């Protein structure tokens, strides 16, 4: 692919080496459950994107289950 040699070449960013310079930017999959927590469908989607060859997959906003928040009732 003439002109894209740098795009497909590995790059060192901090302590991480990406296999190429292709990044999937943050976006919603609309696959989140009714509680807005991550589920197997979301995980499978981002796993498929990563297997597709992107050097990095950047997630958008996501909710994690923080036990401290549950104790506080927030």
Protein backbone atom coordinates (compact mmCIF):
# COMPACT_ATOMS: atom_id res chain seq x y z
CA UNK A 1 0.00 0.00 0.00
CA UNK A 2 1.95 2.94 -1.24
CA UNK A 3 1.75 5.98 1.03
CA UNK A 4 0.48 4.09 4.08
CA UNK A 5 3.70 2.55 5.33
CA UNK A 6 3.71 4.67 8.53
CA UNK A 7 0.02 3.95 9.21
CA UNK A 8 0.64 0.22 9.24
CA UNK A 9 3.97 0.38 11.10
CA UNK A 10 4.28 -0.26 14.86
CA UNK A 11 4.57 2.77 17.15
CA UNK A 12 5.84 3.17 20.72
CA UNK A 13 3.57 5.33 22.92
CA UNK A 14 4.90 5.62 26.45
CA UNK A 15 5.49 2.08 27.68
CA UNK A 16 3.11 0.54 25.14
CA UNK A 17 3.81 -0.61 21.62
CA UNK A 18 0.87 -0.54 19.22
CA UNK A 19 1.07 -2.97 16.29
CA UNK A 20 -0.02 -0.14 13.96
CA UNK A 21 -1.28 3.45 14.09
CA UNK A 22 -4.94 2.63 13.52
CA UNK A 23 -7.24 3.53 16.42
CA UNK A 24 -10.95 2.94 16.79
CA UNK A 25 -12.32 6.10 18.37
CA UNK A 26 -14.86 6.16 21.21
CA UNK A 27 -18.49 5.63 20.27
CA UNK A 28 -21.54 3.94 21.72
CA UNK A 29 -22.54 0.44 20.68
CA UNK A 30 -26.10 0.84 22.02
CA UNK A 31 -25.75 -2.73 23.30
CA UNK A 32 -25.63 -1.81 26.98
CA UNK A 33 -28.21 -3.51 29.19
CA UNK A 34 -31.20 -1.70 30.72
CA UNK A 35 -29.08 -1.03 33.81
CA UNK A 36 -26.42 0.58 31.55
CA UNK A 37 -23.75 -1.84 32.73
CA UNK A 38 -21.39 -3.72 30.46
CA UNK A 39 -22.61 -7.12 29.31
CA UNK A 40 -21.36 -9.98 27.15
CA UNK A 41 -22.68 -8.38 23.95
CA UNK A 42 -20.66 -5.20 24.59
CA UNK A 43 -17.55 -7.24 25.42
CA UNK A 44 -17.98 -9.37 22.27
CA UNK A 45 -18.38 -6.25 20.11
CA UNK A 46 -15.20 -4.58 21.31
CA UNK A 47 -13.33 -7.89 21.18
CA UNK A 48 -14.32 -8.27 17.51
CA UNK A 49 -13.16 -4.70 16.77
CA UNK A 50 -9.79 -5.46 18.40
CA UNK A 51 -9.42 -8.70 16.42
CA UNK A 52 -10.16 -6.72 13.25
CA UNK A 53 -6.67 -5.22 13.38
CA UNK A 54 -6.90 -1.84 15.11
CA UNK A 55 -3.76 -0.95 17.03
CA UNK A 56 -5.90 0.61 19.77
CA UNK A 57 -9.55 0.54 20.75
CA UNK A 58 -10.66 3.58 22.75
CA UNK A 59 -13.82 3.14 24.80
CA UNK A 60 -16.30 5.92 25.39
CA UNK A 61 -18.04 6.43 28.71
CA UNK A 62 -18.69 3.25 30.64
CA UNK A 63 -20.10 2.38 34.04
CA UNK A 64 -18.34 0.12 36.48
CA UNK A 65 -19.79 -1.55 39.54
CA UNK A 66 -18.16 0.29 42.42
CA UNK A 67 -18.94 -1.50 45.71
CA UNK A 68 -18.19 1.69 47.68
CA UNK A 69 -21.01 3.49 45.87
CA UNK A 70 -23.42 0.66 46.71
CA UNK A 71 -22.55 0.88 50.43
CA UNK A 72 -23.04 4.65 50.47
CA UNK A 73 -26.38 4.28 48.71
CA UNK A 74 -25.37 6.62 45.89
